[in-house]
């Protein structure tokens, strides 16, 4: 599988550039969830990052991606089908 070095902005991964696997279209996933384990047996804290364009060309097309920290977001629950009411 192919990966792409993607910068992270904000949150616990601020300033890091990590290799992220890309899909068949060459784009990384829309959300990136980072679990942070606890030593006292509590469930891990999940930090959610959302994909945003890193640079936008003169034509308005993104040329590269970055992940921005979203502290209020919940991790993705699965695909959003058109016939679901969520």
PDB file of N, CA and C in Angstrom:
ATOM      1  N   UNK A   1       0.840  -1.177   0.000  1.00  0.00           N
ATOM      2  CA  UNK A   1       0.000   0.000   0.000  1.00  0.00           C
ATOM      3  C   UNK A   1       0.884   1.239   0.000  1.00  0.00           C
ATOM      4  N   UNK A   2       0.370   2.295  -0.588  1.00  0.00           N
ATOM      5  CA  UNK A   2       1.099   3.546  -0.691  1.00  0.00           C
ATOM      6  C   UNK A   2       0.763   4.445   0.491  1.00  0.00           C
ATOM      7  N   UNK A   3       1.732   5.219   0.922  1.00  0.00           N
ATOM      8  CA  UNK A   3       1.495   6.170   2.002  1.00  0.00           C
ATOM      9  C   UNK A   3       1.987   7.548   1.575  1.00  0.00           C
ATOM     10  N   UNK A   4       1.504   8.555   2.283  1.00  0.00           N
ATOM     11  CA  UNK A   4       1.861   9.936   1.980  1.00  0.00           C
ATOM     12  C   UNK A   4       2.212  10.632   3.286  1.00  0.00           C
ATOM     13  N   UNK A   5       3.316  11.361   3.308  1.00  0.00           N
ATOM     14  CA  UNK A   5       3.687  12.109   4.501  1.00  0.00           C
ATOM     15  C   UNK A   5       2.733  13.277   4.663  1.00  0.00           C
ATOM     16  N   UNK A   6       2.005  13.297   5.796  1.00  0.00           N
ATOM     17  CA  UNK A   6       0.947  14.270   6.020  1.00  0.00           C
ATOM     18  C   UNK A   6       1.222  15.032   7.306  1.00  0.00           C
ATOM     19  N   UNK A   7       1.203  16.389   7.264  1.00  0.00           N
ATOM     20  CA  UNK A   7       1.416  17.176   8.485  1.00  0.00           C
ATOM     21  C   UNK A   7       0.164  17.216   9.354  1.00  0.00           C
ATOM     22  N   UNK A   8       0.367  17.326  10.681  1.00  0.00           N
ATOM     23  CA  UNK A   8      -0.713  17.431  11.649  1.00  0.00           C
ATOM     24  C   UNK A   8      -0.623  18.799  12.319  1.00  0.00           C
ATOM     25  N   UNK A   9      -1.774  19.454  12.498  1.00  0.00           N
ATOM     26  CA  UNK A   9      -1.843  20.788  13.084  1.00  0.00           C
ATOM     27  C   UNK A   9      -2.744  20.733  14.304  1.00  0.00           C
ATOM     28  N   UNK A  10      -2.222  21.173  15.465  1.00  0.00           N
ATOM     29  CA  UNK A  10      -3.002  21.224  16.692  1.00  0.00           C
ATOM     30  C   UNK A  10      -3.032  19.882  17.412  1.00  0.00           C
ATOM     31  N   UNK A  11      -3.494  19.910  18.659  1.00  0.00           N
ATOM     32  CA  UNK A  11      -3.638  18.692  19.446  1.00  0.00           C
ATOM     33  C   UNK A  11      -2.315  18.082  19.848  1.00  0.00           C
ATOM     34  N   UNK A  12      -2.335  16.812  20.251  1.00  0.00           N
ATOM     35  CA  UNK A  12      -1.106  16.165  20.730  1.00  0.00           C
ATOM     36  C   UNK A  12      -0.082  15.876  19.635  1.00  0.00           C
ATOM     37  N   UNK A  13      -0.478  15.877  18.375  1.00  0.00           N
ATOM     38  CA  UNK A  13       0.452  15.596  17.271  1.00  0.00           C
ATOM     39  C   UNK A  13       0.874  16.867  16.547  1.00  0.00           C
ATOM     40  N   UNK A  14       0.751  18.023  17.170  1.00  0.00           N
ATOM     41  CA  UNK A  14       1.040  19.301  16.521  1.00  0.00           C
ATOM     42  C   UNK A  14       2.490  19.356  16.025  1.00  0.00           C
ATOM     43  N   UNK A  15       2.640  19.695  14.756  1.00  0.00           N
ATOM     44  CA  UNK A  15       3.966  19.855  14.169  1.00  0.00           C
ATOM     45  C   UNK A  15       4.584  18.573  13.644  1.00  0.00           C
ATOM     46  N   UNK A  16       3.966  17.452  13.845  1.00  0.00           N
ATOM     47  CA  UNK A  16       4.530  16.189  13.345  1.00  0.00           C
ATOM     48  C   UNK A  16       4.080  15.922  11.917  1.00  0.00           C
ATOM     49  N   UNK A  17       4.914  15.200  11.203  1.00  0.00           N
ATOM     50  CA  UNK A  17       4.594  14.748   9.850  1.00  0.00           C
ATOM     51  C   UNK A  17       4.686  13.237   9.880  1.00  0.00           C
ATOM     52  N   UNK A  18       3.537  12.571   9.672  1.00  0.00           N
ATOM     53  CA  UNK A  18       3.478  11.108   9.754  1.00  0.00           C
ATOM     54  C   UNK A  18       3.058  10.518   8.418  1.00  0.00           C
ATOM     55  N   UNK A  19       3.542   9.317   8.096  1.00  0.00           N
ATOM     56  CA  UNK A  19       3.068   8.652   6.880  1.00  0.00           C
ATOM     57  C   UNK A  19       1.657   8.094   7.113  1.00  0.00           C
ATOM     58  N   UNK A  20       0.730   8.469   6.237  1.00  0.00           N
ATOM     59  CA  UNK A  20      -0.669   8.031   6.332  1.00  0.00           C
ATOM     60  C   UNK A  20      -0.988   7.244   5.072  1.00  0.00           C
ATOM     61  N   UNK A  21      -1.591   6.075   5.235  1.00  0.00           N
ATOM     62  CA  UNK A  21      -1.956   5.264   4.080  1.00  0.00           C
ATOM     63  C   UNK A  21      -3.021   5.969   3.259  1.00  0.00           C
ATOM     64  N   UNK A  22      -2.884   5.920   1.950  1.00  0.00           N
ATOM     65  CA  UNK A  22      -3.863   6.529   1.054  1.00  0.00           C
ATOM     66  C   UNK A  22      -4.678   5.431   0.395  1.00  0.00           C
ATOM     67  N   UNK A  23      -5.892   5.796  -0.023  1.00  0.00           N
ATOM     68  CA  UNK A  23      -6.794   4.841  -0.659  1.00  0.00           C
ATOM     69  C   UNK A  23      -6.506   4.679  -2.136  1.00  0.00           C
ATOM     70  N   UNK A  24      -7.436   4.045  -2.817  1.00  0.00           N
ATOM     71  CA  UNK A  24      -7.261   3.789  -4.241  1.00  0.00           C
ATOM     72  C   UNK A  24      -7.280   5.071  -5.062  1.00  0.00           C
ATOM     73  N   UNK A  25      -7.912   6.122  -4.563  1.00  0.00           N
ATOM     74  CA  UNK A  25      -7.964   7.391  -5.283  1.00  0.00           C
ATOM     75  C   UNK A  25      -6.759   8.273  -4.999  1.00  0.00           C
ATOM     76  N   UNK A  26      -5.877   7.856  -4.081  1.00  0.00           N
ATOM     77  CA  UNK A  26      -4.695   8.630  -3.747  1.00  0.00           C
ATOM     78  C   UNK A  26      -4.920   9.648  -2.651  1.00  0.00           C
ATOM     79  N   UNK A  27      -6.076   9.591  -1.987  1.00  0.00           N
ATOM     80  CA  UNK A  27      -6.380  10.524  -0.914  1.00  0.00           C
ATOM     81  C   UNK A  27      -6.338   9.819   0.430  1.00  0.00           C
ATOM     82  N   UNK A  28      -5.853  10.496   1.475  1.00  0.00           N
ATOM     83  CA  UNK A  28      -5.899   9.918   2.816  1.00  0.00           C
ATOM     84  C   UNK A  28      -7.329   9.935   3.348  1.00  0.00           C
ATOM     85  N   UNK A  29      -7.634   9.211   4.425  1.00  0.00           N
ATOM     86  CA  UNK A  29      -8.993   9.200   4.962  1.00  0.00           C
ATOM     87  C   UNK A  29      -9.427  10.584   5.447  1.00  0.00           C
ATOM     88  N   UNK A  30     -10.751  10.811   5.503  1.00  0.00           N
ATOM     89  CA  UNK A  30     -11.279  12.109   5.903  1.00  0.00           C
ATOM     90  C   UNK A  30     -11.032  12.406   7.374  1.00  0.00           C
ATOM     91  N   UNK A  31     -11.020  11.379   8.207  1.00  0.00           N
ATOM     92  CA  UNK A  31     -10.740  11.558   9.633  1.00  0.00           C
ATOM     93  C   UNK A  31      -9.608  10.636  10.044  1.00  0.00           C
ATOM     94  N   UNK A  32      -8.854  11.052  11.041  1.00  0.00           N
ATOM     95  CA  UNK A  32      -7.743  10.271  11.576  1.00  0.00           C
ATOM     96  C   UNK A  32      -7.911  10.280  13.093  1.00  0.00           C
ATOM     97  N   UNK A  33      -8.091   9.109  13.686  1.00  0.00           N
ATOM     98  CA  UNK A  33      -8.340   9.000  15.123  1.00  0.00           C
ATOM     99  C   UNK A  33      -7.087   8.461  15.797  1.00  0.00           C
ATOM    100  N   UNK A  34      -6.641   9.163  16.859  1.00  0.00           N
ATOM    101  CA  UNK A  34      -5.448   8.773  17.604  1.00  0.00           C
ATOM    102  C   UNK A  34      -5.885   8.405  19.019  1.00  0.00           C
ATOM    103  N   UNK A  35      -5.816   7.112  19.409  1.00  0.00           N
ATOM    104  CA  UNK A  35      -6.166   6.754  20.784  1.00  0.00           C
ATOM    105  C   UNK A  35      -4.996   7.027  21.727  1.00  0.00           C
ATOM    106  N   UNK A  36      -5.309   7.560  22.903  1.00  0.00           N
ATOM    107  CA  UNK A  36      -4.299   7.817  23.928  1.00  0.00           C
ATOM    108  C   UNK A  36      -4.622   6.931  25.127  1.00  0.00           C
ATOM    109  N   UNK A  37      -3.848   5.865  25.366  1.00  0.00           N
ATOM    110  CA  UNK A  37      -4.174   4.935  26.452  1.00  0.00           C
ATOM    111  C   UNK A  37      -3.920   5.556  27.831  1.00  0.00           C
ATOM    112  N   UNK A  38      -4.640   5.045  28.821  1.00  0.00           N
ATOM    113  CA  UNK A  38      -4.464   5.453  30.211  1.00  0.00           C
ATOM    114  C   UNK A  38      -3.911   4.274  31.004  1.00  0.00           C
ATOM    115  N   UNK A  39      -3.115   4.569  32.028  1.00  0.00           N
ATOM    116  CA  UNK A  39      -2.503   3.507  32.832  1.00  0.00           C
ATOM    117  C   UNK A  39      -3.447   2.939  33.889  1.00  0.00           C
ATOM    118  N   UNK A  40      -4.508   3.671  34.242  1.00  0.00           N
ATOM    119  CA  UNK A  40      -5.359   3.244  35.345  1.00  0.00           C
ATOM    120  C   UNK A  40      -6.556   2.401  34.907  1.00  0.00           C
ATOM    121  N   UNK A  41      -6.594   1.925  33.674  1.00  0.00           N
ATOM    122  CA  UNK A  41      -7.648   1.024  33.231  1.00  0.00           C
ATOM    123  C   UNK A  41      -8.842   1.715  32.591  1.00  0.00           C
ATOM    124  N   UNK A  42      -8.868   3.033  32.570  1.00  0.00           N
ATOM    125  CA  UNK A  42      -9.961   3.738  31.894  1.00  0.00           C
ATOM    126  C   UNK A  42      -9.859   3.518  30.395  1.00  0.00           C
ATOM    127  N   UNK A  43     -10.958   3.682  29.665  1.00  0.00           N
ATOM    128  CA  UNK A  43     -10.876   3.561  28.204  1.00  0.00           C
ATOM    129  C   UNK A  43     -10.008   4.672  27.628  1.00  0.00           C
ATOM    130  N   UNK A  44      -9.375   4.424  26.502  1.00  0.00           N
ATOM    131  CA  UNK A  44      -8.457   5.425  25.937  1.00  0.00           C
ATOM    132  C   UNK A  44      -9.195   6.687  25.475  1.00  0.00           C
ATOM    133  N   UNK A  45      -8.510   7.809  25.588  1.00  0.00           N
ATOM    134  CA  UNK A  45      -9.013   9.074  25.065  1.00  0.00           C
ATOM    135  C   UNK A  45      -8.751   9.100  23.570  1.00  0.00           C
ATOM    136  N   UNK A  46      -9.759   9.511  22.797  1.00  0.00           N
ATOM    137  CA  UNK A  46      -9.616   9.544  21.339  1.00  0.00           C
ATOM    138  C   UNK A  46      -9.504  10.984  20.872  1.00  0.00           C
ATOM    139  N   UNK A  47      -8.433  11.259  20.123  1.00  0.00           N
ATOM    140  CA  UNK A  47      -8.219  12.566  19.528  1.00  0.00           C
ATOM    141  C   UNK A  47      -8.556  12.443  18.045  1.00  0.00           C
ATOM    142  N   UNK A  48      -9.429  13.338  17.556  1.00  0.00           N
ATOM    143  CA  UNK A  48      -9.907  13.263  16.174  1.00  0.00           C
ATOM    144  C   UNK A  48      -9.299  14.396  15.361  1.00  0.00           C
ATOM    145  N   UNK A  49      -8.775  14.055  14.202  1.00  0.00           N
ATOM    146  CA  UNK A  49      -8.228  15.021  13.247  1.00  0.00           C
ATOM    147  C   UNK A  49      -9.056  14.950  11.970  1.00  0.00           C
ATOM    148  N   UNK A  50      -9.340  16.100  11.371  1.00  0.00           N
ATOM    149  CA  UNK A  50     -10.092  16.183  10.120  1.00  0.00           C
ATOM    150  C   UNK A  50      -9.150  16.596   8.989  1.00  0.00           C
ATOM    151  N   UNK A  51      -9.353  15.998   7.816  1.00  0.00           N
ATOM    152  CA  UNK A  51      -8.532  16.294   6.650  1.00  0.00           C
ATOM    153  C   UNK A  51      -8.971  17.622   6.040  1.00  0.00           C
ATOM    154  N   UNK A  52      -7.993  18.485   5.761  1.00  0.00           N
ATOM    155  CA  UNK A  52      -8.248  19.762   5.084  1.00  0.00           C
ATOM    156  C   UNK A  52      -7.190  19.945   4.003  1.00  0.00           C
ATOM    157  N   UNK A  53      -7.473  20.750   2.981  1.00  0.00           N
ATOM    158  CA  UNK A  53      -6.462  20.986   1.945  1.00  0.00           C
ATOM    159  C   UNK A  53      -5.271  21.747   2.506  1.00  0.00           C
ATOM    160  N   UNK A  54      -4.075  21.302   2.181  1.00  0.00           N
ATOM    161  CA  UNK A  54      -2.863  21.982   2.641  1.00  0.00           C
ATOM    162  C   UNK A  54      -2.586  23.214   1.785  1.00  0.00           C
ATOM    163  N   UNK A  55      -2.702  23.075   0.488  1.00  0.00           N
ATOM    164  CA  UNK A  55      -2.496  24.177  -0.447  1.00  0.00           C
ATOM    165  C   UNK A  55      -3.609  24.109  -1.483  1.00  0.00           C
ATOM    166  N   UNK A  56      -4.045  25.261  -1.939  1.00  0.00           N
ATOM    167  CA  UNK A  56      -5.073  25.316  -2.977  1.00  0.00           C
ATOM    168  C   UNK A  56      -4.479  26.044  -4.171  1.00  0.00           C
ATOM    169  N   UNK A  57      -4.596  25.417  -5.345  1.00  0.00           N
ATOM    170  CA  UNK A  57      -4.019  26.010  -6.557  1.00  0.00           C
ATOM    171  C   UNK A  57      -4.889  27.169  -7.050  1.00  0.00           C
ATOM    172  N   UNK A  58      -4.435  27.828  -8.102  1.00  0.00           N
ATOM    173  CA  UNK A  58      -5.195  28.949  -8.657  1.00  0.00           C
ATOM    174  C   UNK A  58      -6.550  28.507  -9.193  1.00  0.00           C
ATOM    175  N   UNK A  59      -6.670  27.254  -9.577  1.00  0.00           N
ATOM    176  CA  UNK A  59      -7.938  26.736 -10.087  1.00  0.00           C
ATOM    177  C   UNK A  59      -8.875  26.287  -8.973  1.00  0.00           C
ATOM    178  N   UNK A  60      -8.429  26.349  -7.721  1.00  0.00           N
ATOM    179  CA  UNK A  60      -9.251  25.935  -6.593  1.00  0.00           C
ATOM    180  C   UNK A  60      -9.131  24.464  -6.247  1.00  0.00           C
ATOM    181  N   UNK A  61      -8.154  23.778  -6.826  1.00  0.00           N
ATOM    182  CA  UNK A  61      -7.972  22.351  -6.558  1.00  0.00           C
ATOM    183  C   UNK A  61      -6.933  22.160  -5.451  1.00  0.00           C
ATOM    184  N   UNK A  62      -7.192  21.242  -4.514  1.00  0.00           N
ATOM    185  CA  UNK A  62      -6.194  21.008  -3.456  1.00  0.00           C
ATOM    186  C   UNK A  62      -4.991  20.252  -4.001  1.00  0.00           C
ATOM    187  N   UNK A  63      -3.810  20.669  -3.561  1.00  0.00           N
ATOM    188  CA  UNK A  63      -2.591  19.952  -3.937  1.00  0.00           C
ATOM    189  C   UNK A  63      -1.883  19.537  -2.650  1.00  0.00           C
ATOM    190  N   UNK A  64      -2.372  18.495  -2.060  1.00  0.00           N
ATOM    191  CA  UNK A  64      -1.840  18.002  -0.799  1.00  0.00           C
ATOM    192  C   UNK A  64      -2.856  18.189   0.322  1.00  0.00           C
ATOM    193  N   UNK A  65      -2.670  17.428   1.388  1.00  0.00           N
ATOM    194  CA  UNK A  65      -3.607  17.446   2.503  1.00  0.00           C
ATOM    195  C   UNK A  65      -2.868  17.629   3.813  1.00  0.00           C
ATOM    196  N   UNK A  66      -3.583  18.113   4.826  1.00  0.00           N
ATOM    197  CA  UNK A  66      -3.077  18.166   6.189  1.00  0.00           C
ATOM    198  C   UNK A  66      -4.239  17.803   7.105  1.00  0.00           C
ATOM    199  N   UNK A  67      -3.914  17.420   8.327  1.00  0.00           N
ATOM    200  CA  UNK A  67      -4.935  17.091   9.313  1.00  0.00           C
ATOM    201  C   UNK A  67      -4.951  18.162  10.388  1.00  0.00           C
ATOM    202  N   UNK A  68      -6.151  18.689  10.684  1.00  0.00           N
ATOM    203  CA  UNK A  68      -6.321  19.689  11.735  1.00  0.00           C
ATOM    204  C   UNK A  68      -7.084  19.053  12.890  1.00  0.00           C
ATOM    205  N   UNK A  69      -6.657  19.375  14.102  1.00  0.00           N
ATOM    206  CA  UNK A  69      -7.260  18.820  15.316  1.00  0.00           C
ATOM    207  C   UNK A  69      -8.672  19.370  15.488  1.00  0.00           C
ATOM    208  N   UNK A  70      -9.611  18.491  15.811  1.00  0.00           N
ATOM    209  CA  UNK A  70     -11.001  18.870  16.039  1.00  0.00           C
ATOM    210  C   UNK A  70     -11.408  18.353  17.415  1.00  0.00           C
ATOM    211  N   UNK A  71     -11.268  19.178  18.479  1.00  0.00           N
ATOM    212  CA  UNK A  71     -11.517  18.688  19.839  1.00  0.00           C
ATOM    213  C   UNK A  71     -12.984  18.394  20.129  1.00  0.00           C
ATOM    214  N   UNK A  72     -13.921  18.951  19.367  1.00  0.00           N
ATOM    215  CA  UNK A  72     -15.342  18.746  19.654  1.00  0.00           C
ATOM    216  C   UNK A  72     -15.942  17.597  18.861  1.00  0.00           C
ATOM    217  N   UNK A  73     -15.199  16.998  17.967  1.00  0.00           N
ATOM    218  CA  UNK A  73     -15.742  15.968  17.078  1.00  0.00           C
ATOM    219  C   UNK A  73     -15.741  14.596  17.737  1.00  0.00           C
ATOM    220  N   UNK A  74     -16.718  13.822  17.359  1.00  0.00           N
ATOM    221  CA  UNK A  74     -16.779  12.419  17.771  1.00  0.00           C
ATOM    222  C   UNK A  74     -16.122  11.585  16.678  1.00  0.00           C
ATOM    223  N   UNK A  75     -15.529  10.447  17.031  1.00  0.00           N
ATOM    224  CA  UNK A  75     -14.935   9.600  15.985  1.00  0.00           C
ATOM    225  C   UNK A  75     -16.014   9.092  15.031  1.00  0.00           C
ATOM    226  N   UNK A  76     -15.652   8.776  13.800  1.00  0.00           N
ATOM    227  CA  UNK A  76     -16.648   8.315  12.832  1.00  0.00           C
ATOM    228  C   UNK A  76     -17.279   7.002  13.276  1.00  0.00           C
ATOM    229  N   UNK A  77     -18.585   6.862  13.007  1.00  0.00           N
ATOM    230  CA  UNK A  77     -19.312   5.664  13.406  1.00  0.00           C
ATOM    231  C   UNK A  77     -19.488   4.686  12.264  1.00  0.00           C
ATOM    232  N   UNK A  78     -19.226   5.092  11.057  1.00  0.00           N
ATOM    233  CA  UNK A  78     -19.375   4.213   9.904  1.00  0.00           C
ATOM    234  C   UNK A  78     -19.860   5.001   8.708  1.00  0.00           C
ATOM    235  N   UNK A  79     -20.199   4.310   7.638  1.00  0.00           N
ATOM    236  CA  UNK A  79     -20.639   5.024   6.441  1.00  0.00           C
ATOM    237  C   UNK A  79     -22.001   5.681   6.646  1.00  0.00           C
ATOM    238  N   UNK A  80     -22.175   6.823   6.025  1.00  0.00           N
ATOM    239  CA  UNK A  80     -23.454   7.531   6.074  1.00  0.00           C
ATOM    240  C   UNK A  80     -24.211   7.205   4.791  1.00  0.00           C
ATOM    241  N   UNK A  81     -25.170   6.318   4.891  1.00  0.00           N
ATOM    242  CA  UNK A  81     -25.941   5.915   3.737  1.00  0.00           C
ATOM    243  C   UNK A  81     -27.016   6.965   3.456  1.00  0.00           C
ATOM    244  N   UNK A  82     -27.437   7.110   2.197  1.00  0.00           N
ATOM    245  CA  UNK A  82     -28.426   8.138   1.866  1.00  0.00           C
ATOM    246  C   UNK A  82     -29.780   7.904   2.532  1.00  0.00           C
ATOM    247  N   UNK A  83     -30.106   6.679   2.876  1.00  0.00           N
ATOM    248  CA  UNK A  83     -31.436   6.416   3.436  1.00  0.00           C
ATOM    249  C   UNK A  83     -31.456   6.459   4.965  1.00  0.00           C
ATOM    250  N   UNK A  84     -30.304   6.730   5.600  1.00  0.00           N
ATOM    251  CA  UNK A  84     -30.284   6.898   7.061  1.00  0.00           C
ATOM    252  C   UNK A  84     -30.734   8.283   7.432  1.00  0.00           C
ATOM    253  N   UNK A  85     -31.333   8.448   8.596  1.00  0.00           N
ATOM    254  CA  UNK A  85     -31.827   9.754   9.035  1.00  0.00           C
ATOM    255  C   UNK A  85     -30.872  10.417   9.995  1.00  0.00           C
ATOM    256  N   UNK A  86     -29.617   9.998  10.065  1.00  0.00           N
ATOM    257  CA  UNK A  86     -28.632  10.624  10.972  1.00  0.00           C
ATOM    258  C   UNK A  86     -27.855  11.658  10.239  1.00  0.00           C
TER     259      UNK A  86
END
